[in-house]
């Protein structure tokens, strides 16, 4: 993976908005530090992926790494 695009909505009134914004900042920091594996896992958690599936995906071989 060479690039990731993200869009953060400027105005969010829905429950959990602060947590989502914090997570977006954390994701940006991980990508800036080139910690792609940690960024992948954080994104998958944000998307609601079960931990078992995240562990399986993290341990499987992927092209481009």
N, C-alpha and C. Protein backbone atom coordinates (compact mmCIF):
# COMPACT_ATOMS: atom_id res chain seq x y z
N UNK A 1 0.85 -1.15 0.00
CA UNK A 1 0.00 0.00 0.00
C UNK A 1 0.90 1.22 0.00
N UNK A 2 0.64 2.13 -0.92
CA UNK A 2 1.47 3.32 -0.99
C UNK A 2 0.76 4.57 -0.52
N UNK A 3 -0.60 4.58 -0.59
CA UNK A 3 -1.34 5.77 -0.16
C UNK A 3 -2.64 5.36 0.51
N UNK A 4 -3.08 6.19 1.44
CA UNK A 4 -4.37 6.01 2.10
C UNK A 4 -5.06 7.36 2.10
N UNK A 5 -6.32 7.37 1.75
CA UNK A 5 -7.09 8.61 1.78
C UNK A 5 -8.11 8.54 2.91
N UNK A 6 -8.29 9.63 3.59
CA UNK A 6 -9.29 9.69 4.66
C UNK A 6 -9.97 11.04 4.62
N UNK A 7 -11.22 11.05 4.95
CA UNK A 7 -11.98 12.29 5.00
C UNK A 7 -12.62 12.39 6.36
N UNK A 8 -12.37 13.47 7.04
CA UNK A 8 -12.94 13.68 8.37
C UNK A 8 -14.01 14.76 8.25
N UNK A 9 -15.24 14.39 8.56
CA UNK A 9 -16.34 15.34 8.50
C UNK A 9 -16.09 16.46 9.51
N UNK A 10 -16.31 17.69 9.08
CA UNK A 10 -16.02 18.84 9.94
C UNK A 10 -17.02 19.01 11.08
N UNK A 11 -18.24 18.56 10.89
CA UNK A 11 -19.28 18.76 11.89
C UNK A 11 -19.97 17.44 12.14
N UNK A 12 -19.84 16.92 13.33
CA UNK A 12 -20.38 15.60 13.66
C UNK A 12 -21.12 15.70 14.98
N UNK A 13 -22.44 15.52 14.94
CA UNK A 13 -23.25 15.64 16.15
C UNK A 13 -23.72 14.29 16.67
N UNK A 14 -23.33 13.23 16.01
CA UNK A 14 -23.79 11.90 16.40
C UNK A 14 -23.02 11.39 17.61
N UNK A 15 -23.64 10.49 18.39
CA UNK A 15 -22.97 9.92 19.56
C UNK A 15 -21.63 9.29 19.18
N UNK A 16 -20.62 9.51 19.98
CA UNK A 16 -19.30 8.94 19.74
C UNK A 16 -18.42 9.80 18.85
N UNK A 17 -18.86 11.03 18.54
CA UNK A 17 -18.10 11.89 17.62
C UNK A 17 -16.68 12.15 18.12
N UNK A 18 -16.54 12.47 19.40
CA UNK A 18 -15.21 12.76 19.95
C UNK A 18 -14.28 11.57 19.80
N UNK A 19 -14.81 10.38 20.08
CA UNK A 19 -13.99 9.16 19.96
C UNK A 19 -13.56 8.94 18.51
N UNK A 20 -14.47 9.13 17.56
CA UNK A 20 -14.13 8.95 16.14
C UNK A 20 -13.06 9.94 15.71
N UNK A 21 -13.19 11.19 16.14
CA UNK A 21 -12.20 12.20 15.76
C UNK A 21 -10.83 11.87 16.37
N UNK A 22 -10.84 11.41 17.60
CA UNK A 22 -9.60 11.01 18.25
C UNK A 22 -8.96 9.84 17.51
N UNK A 23 -9.79 8.88 17.10
CA UNK A 23 -9.29 7.72 16.38
C UNK A 23 -8.71 8.14 15.03
N UNK A 24 -9.34 9.09 14.36
CA UNK A 24 -8.81 9.57 13.08
C UNK A 24 -7.44 10.22 13.26
N UNK A 25 -7.29 10.99 14.34
CA UNK A 25 -5.99 11.60 14.62
C UNK A 25 -4.94 10.52 14.90
N UNK A 26 -5.33 9.51 15.67
CA UNK A 26 -4.41 8.41 15.98
C UNK A 26 -4.03 7.65 14.71
N UNK A 27 -4.99 7.42 13.84
CA UNK A 27 -4.72 6.74 12.57
C UNK A 27 -3.74 7.55 11.73
N UNK A 28 -3.94 8.86 11.66
CA UNK A 28 -3.02 9.72 10.93
C UNK A 28 -1.61 9.67 11.49
N UNK A 29 -1.50 9.65 12.81
CA UNK A 29 -0.18 9.58 13.45
C UNK A 29 0.51 8.26 13.15
N UNK A 30 -0.24 7.15 13.20
CA UNK A 30 0.34 5.84 12.88
C UNK A 30 0.85 5.79 11.44
N UNK A 31 0.07 6.35 10.53
CA UNK A 31 0.49 6.36 9.12
C UNK A 31 1.71 7.26 8.93
N UNK A 32 1.74 8.39 9.62
CA UNK A 32 2.89 9.29 9.53
C UNK A 32 4.17 8.62 10.04
N UNK A 33 4.02 7.72 11.00
CA UNK A 33 5.16 6.99 11.56
C UNK A 33 5.45 5.72 10.77
N UNK A 34 4.72 5.50 9.67
CA UNK A 34 4.85 4.31 8.82
C UNK A 34 4.59 3.02 9.59
N UNK A 35 3.64 3.10 10.53
CA UNK A 35 3.25 1.91 11.31
C UNK A 35 1.97 1.36 10.68
N UNK A 36 2.13 0.80 9.47
CA UNK A 36 0.99 0.38 8.67
C UNK A 36 0.20 -0.75 9.30
N UNK A 37 0.86 -1.68 9.93
CA UNK A 37 0.16 -2.81 10.56
C UNK A 37 -0.75 -2.31 11.68
N UNK A 38 -0.23 -1.43 12.52
CA UNK A 38 -1.04 -0.87 13.61
C UNK A 38 -2.18 -0.02 13.05
N UNK A 39 -1.93 0.72 11.98
CA UNK A 39 -2.97 1.53 11.35
C UNK A 39 -4.07 0.64 10.78
N UNK A 40 -3.67 -0.46 10.14
CA UNK A 40 -4.63 -1.42 9.60
C UNK A 40 -5.53 -1.97 10.70
N UNK A 41 -4.93 -2.39 11.79
CA UNK A 41 -5.70 -2.96 12.90
C UNK A 41 -6.64 -1.93 13.52
N UNK A 42 -6.17 -0.70 13.70
CA UNK A 42 -7.02 0.36 14.25
C UNK A 42 -8.21 0.63 13.33
N UNK A 43 -7.95 0.71 12.03
CA UNK A 43 -9.04 0.96 11.08
C UNK A 43 -10.06 -0.17 11.11
N UNK A 44 -9.58 -1.41 11.16
CA UNK A 44 -10.50 -2.55 11.19
C UNK A 44 -11.35 -2.52 12.46
N UNK A 45 -10.78 -2.12 13.58
CA UNK A 45 -11.57 -2.00 14.81
C UNK A 45 -12.62 -0.90 14.67
N UNK A 46 -12.22 0.22 14.09
CA UNK A 46 -13.15 1.33 13.87
C UNK A 46 -14.31 0.89 12.98
N UNK A 47 -14.03 0.01 12.03
CA UNK A 47 -15.06 -0.48 11.11
C UNK A 47 -15.94 -1.55 11.75
N UNK A 48 -15.59 -1.97 12.98
CA UNK A 48 -16.42 -2.95 13.69
C UNK A 48 -16.05 -4.40 13.42
N UNK A 49 -14.87 -4.63 12.90
CA UNK A 49 -14.42 -5.99 12.61
C UNK A 49 -14.11 -6.73 13.91
N UNK A 50 -14.60 -7.96 14.07
CA UNK A 50 -14.30 -8.74 15.28
C UNK A 50 -12.79 -8.97 15.43
N UNK A 51 -12.34 -9.02 16.68
CA UNK A 51 -10.92 -9.20 16.98
C UNK A 51 -10.34 -10.46 16.33
N UNK A 52 -11.13 -11.53 16.30
CA UNK A 52 -10.63 -12.78 15.70
C UNK A 52 -10.28 -12.58 14.22
N UNK A 53 -11.12 -11.82 13.53
CA UNK A 53 -10.88 -11.57 12.11
C UNK A 53 -9.68 -10.64 11.91
N UNK A 54 -9.50 -9.69 12.81
CA UNK A 54 -8.35 -8.79 12.72
C UNK A 54 -7.06 -9.60 12.92
N UNK A 55 -7.06 -10.47 13.91
CA UNK A 55 -5.88 -11.31 14.16
C UNK A 55 -5.57 -12.19 12.96
N UNK A 56 -6.61 -12.78 12.38
CA UNK A 56 -6.41 -13.64 11.21
C UNK A 56 -5.86 -12.84 10.04
N UNK A 57 -6.43 -11.67 9.78
CA UNK A 57 -5.96 -10.83 8.67
C UNK A 57 -4.54 -10.34 8.91
N UNK A 58 -4.22 -10.01 10.16
CA UNK A 58 -2.88 -9.51 10.47
C UNK A 58 -1.81 -10.58 10.32
N UNK A 59 -2.19 -11.84 10.52
CA UNK A 59 -1.19 -12.91 10.42
C UNK A 59 -1.10 -13.52 9.02
N UNK A 60 -2.00 -13.13 8.12
CA UNK A 60 -1.96 -13.70 6.78
C UNK A 60 -1.00 -12.91 5.90
N UNK A 61 -0.38 -13.58 4.94
CA UNK A 61 0.55 -12.87 4.03
C UNK A 61 -0.24 -11.95 3.10
N UNK A 62 0.32 -10.75 2.88
CA UNK A 62 -0.31 -9.80 1.97
C UNK A 62 0.73 -9.32 0.98
N UNK A 63 0.28 -9.09 -0.24
CA UNK A 63 1.18 -8.55 -1.26
C UNK A 63 1.46 -7.09 -1.00
N UNK A 64 2.62 -6.62 -1.40
CA UNK A 64 2.96 -5.22 -1.27
C UNK A 64 3.64 -4.85 0.01
N UNK A 65 3.71 -5.74 0.98
CA UNK A 65 4.39 -5.42 2.24
C UNK A 65 5.87 -5.70 2.12
